[in-house]
Protein backbone atom coordinates (compact mmCIF):
# COMPACT_ATOMS: atom_id res chain seq x y z
CA UNK A 1 13.80 18.99 11.80
CA UNK A 2 12.88 15.44 12.53
CA UNK A 3 9.49 16.60 12.88
CA UNK A 4 9.08 18.00 9.44
CA UNK A 5 10.49 15.01 8.02
CA UNK A 6 8.10 12.73 9.92
CA UNK A 7 5.32 14.78 8.45
CA UNK A 8 6.62 14.36 4.95
CA UNK A 9 6.80 10.45 5.66
CA UNK A 10 3.26 10.74 6.84
CA UNK A 11 2.36 12.61 3.65
CA UNK A 12 3.76 10.14 1.29
CA UNK A 13 1.74 7.16 3.31
CA UNK A 14 -1.45 9.34 2.95
CA UNK A 15 -0.70 9.77 -0.61
CA UNK A 16 -0.30 5.90 -1.00
CA UNK A 17 -3.85 4.98 0.47
CA UNK A 18 -5.43 7.99 -1.55
CA UNK A 19 -3.92 6.35 -4.49
CA UNK A 20 -5.21 2.85 -3.52
CA UNK A 21 -8.53 4.15 -2.53
CA UNK A 22 -8.71 6.01 -5.92
CA UNK A 23 -8.21 2.69 -7.82
CA UNK A 24 -10.63 0.95 -5.88
CA UNK A 25 -13.25 3.55 -6.48
CA UNK A 26 -12.30 3.57 -10.59
CA UNK A 27 -13.11 -0.56 -10.11
CA UNK A 28 -16.19 0.14 -8.36
CA UNK A 29 -17.50 2.63 -10.63
CA UNK A 30 -16.79 0.33 -13.68
CA UNK A 31 -18.55 -2.64 -12.16
CA UNK A 32 -21.57 -0.32 -11.54
CA UNK A 33 -21.62 0.70 -15.34
CA UNK A 34 -21.46 -2.78 -16.14
CA UNK A 35 -24.16 -3.89 -14.07
CA UNK A 36 -26.29 -1.25 -15.65
CA UNK A 37 -25.47 -2.38 -19.03
CA UNK A 38 -26.51 -5.90 -17.79
CA UNK A 39 -29.79 -4.64 -16.21
CA UNK A 40 -30.57 -2.96 -19.54
CA UNK A 41 -29.93 -5.69 -21.77
CA UNK A 42 -31.42 -8.23 -19.41
CA UNK A 43 -34.74 -6.16 -19.12
CA UNK A 44 -35.01 -6.35 -22.72
CA UNK A 45 -34.40 -9.68 -23.09
CA UNK A 46 -36.89 -10.48 -20.48
CA UNK A 47 -39.44 -8.20 -22.03
CA UNK A 48 -39.12 -10.02 -25.32
CA UNK A 49 -39.62 -13.53 -23.93
CA UNK A 50 -42.36 -13.20 -21.14
CA UNK A 51 -45.78 -11.96 -20.27
CA UNK A 52 -46.12 -9.00 -17.95
CA UNK A 53 -46.49 -10.90 -14.73
CA UNK A 54 -43.64 -13.15 -15.58
CA UNK A 55 -41.64 -9.76 -16.54
CA UNK A 56 -42.08 -8.20 -13.05
CA UNK A 57 -41.10 -11.58 -11.54
CA UNK A 58 -38.11 -11.92 -13.74
CA UNK A 59 -37.25 -8.25 -12.83
CA UNK A 60 -37.44 -8.72 -9.38
CA UNK A 61 -35.11 -11.63 -9.27
CA UNK A 62 -32.59 -9.60 -11.41
CA UNK A 63 -33.05 -6.87 -9.02
CA UNK A 64 -32.35 -9.30 -6.22
CA UNK A 65 -29.08 -10.44 -7.95
CA UNK A 66 -27.76 -7.05 -8.67
CA UNK A 67 -28.30 -6.08 -5.00
CA UNK A 68 -26.43 -9.12 -3.96
CA UNK A 69 -23.83 -8.23 -6.55
CA UNK A 70 -23.49 -4.55 -5.18
CA UNK A 71 -23.13 -5.77 -1.61
CA UNK A 72 -20.43 -8.21 -2.42
CA UNK A 73 -18.71 -5.32 -4.82
CA UNK A 74 -18.91 -3.12 -1.62
CA UNK A 75 -17.44 -5.82 0.87
CA UNK A 76 -14.60 -6.34 -1.47
CA UNK A 77 -13.92 -2.63 -1.50
CA UNK A 78 -13.92 -2.39 2.19
CA UNK A 79 -11.67 -5.21 2.67
CA UNK A 80 -9.08 -3.87 0.11
CA UNK A 81 -9.33 -0.53 2.03
CA UNK A 82 -8.54 -2.08 5.34
CA UNK A 83 -5.70 -4.13 3.59
CA UNK A 84 -4.31 -0.87 1.98
CA UNK A 85 -4.32 0.92 5.40
CA UNK A 86 -2.78 -2.13 7.06
CA UNK A 87 -0.23 -2.15 4.38
CA UNK A 88 0.80 1.35 5.18
CA UNK A 89 0.91 0.98 8.75
CA UNK A 90 3.11 -2.10 8.23
CA UNK A 91 5.52 -0.04 6.18
CA UNK A 92 5.61 2.96 8.53
CA UNK A 93 6.49 0.42 11.22
CA UNK A 94 9.15 -1.50 9.14
CA UNK A 95 10.64 1.84 8.22
CA UNK A 96 11.09 2.66 11.97
CA UNK A 97 12.85 -0.29 12.61
CA UNK A 98 14.94 -0.19 9.76
CA UNK A 99 15.90 3.31 10.96
CA UNK A 100 16.64 2.05 14.52
CA UNK A 101 18.47 -0.72 13.42
CA UNK A 102 20.78 1.48 11.12
CA UNK A 103 21.43 4.04 13.38
CA UNK A 104 22.47 1.40 16.19
CA UNK A 105 24.90 -0.57 13.61
CA UNK A 106 26.25 2.56 12.30
CA UNK A 107 27.08 4.17 15.68
CA UNK A 108 28.50 0.94 16.82
CA UNK A 109 30.92 0.77 13.98
CA UNK A 110 32.09 4.27 14.16
CA UNK A 111 32.65 3.68 17.83
CA UNK A 112 34.67 0.42 17.05
CA UNK A 113 36.36 2.44 14.09
CA UNK A 114 35.92 0.12 11.29
CA UNK A 115 33.32 -2.45 9.67
CA UNK A 116 34.22 -5.51 7.97
CA UNK A 117 33.32 -5.90 4.23
CA UNK A 118 30.38 -8.26 5.33
CA UNK A 119 29.33 -5.83 8.02
CA UNK A 120 29.26 -3.24 5.51
CA UNK A 121 27.39 -5.28 3.07
CA UNK A 122 24.84 -6.26 5.57
CA UNK A 123 24.31 -2.43 6.63
CA UNK A 124 24.25 -1.39 2.91
CA UNK A 125 21.30 -3.93 2.21
CA UNK A 126 19.45 -2.34 5.39
CA UNK A 127 20.05 1.35 3.99
CA UNK A 128 18.88 0.37 0.39
CA UNK A 129 15.87 -1.27 2.01
CA UNK A 130 15.23 1.94 3.92
CA UNK A 131 15.74 4.03 1.07
CA UNK A 132 13.23 2.07 -1.14
CA UNK A 133 10.52 2.39 1.79
CA UNK A 134 11.00 6.15 1.20
CA UNK A 135 12.86 6.56 4.39
CA UNK A 136 14.07 10.14 5.01
CA UNK A 137 17.35 11.93 5.08
CA UNK A 138 17.89 11.29 9.03
CA UNK A 139 20.00 8.29 8.31
CA UNK A 140 21.85 9.77 5.24
CA UNK A 141 24.23 11.51 7.39
CA UNK A 142 24.93 8.60 9.26
CA UNK A 143 25.51 6.58 6.06
CA UNK A 144 27.74 9.09 4.57
CA UNK A 145 30.09 8.90 7.99
CA UNK A 146 29.64 4.83 7.72
CA UNK A 147 30.91 4.45 4.17
CA UNK A 148 34.20 6.29 5.00
CA UNK A 149 34.90 3.78 7.66
CA UNK A 150 37.77 1.51 6.98
CA UNK A 151 37.15 -2.44 6.59
CA UNK A 152 39.54 -3.47 8.84
CA UNK A 153 41.16 -2.39 12.25
CA UNK A 154 43.73 0.25 12.07
CA UNK A 155 46.41 -0.20 14.60
């Protein structure tokens, strides 16, 4: 059961990365389209202002600038991809830490037989964060038992 749930979590992470990469690709495509428009308009402008030799030199300079711009865009896209991949890895690590901490805390409070209001509030904050990070159902059963604990020791 846990293996299936871990695959679901991995699938969610892969989906996030895919969405980020898709967004980056759309931005790059838009920048390339803008570059093409700039090239056409600049070429028309250069053709109307200078002679053939000067046109060739101006076009070469424009081509160089476009190549520099394209390289910069590719570098930015690569950095963004790396950033998004690292974010997904950090989310997975944080999720694992939250799962471990929640499990430890809930098992401890269950063995003690109660949890104070402040302890419940702290565990609830952890649980809410865990669920916001798409935490799976492993902790849900622990959570259901935890919320039933009294908030003071019963003698």
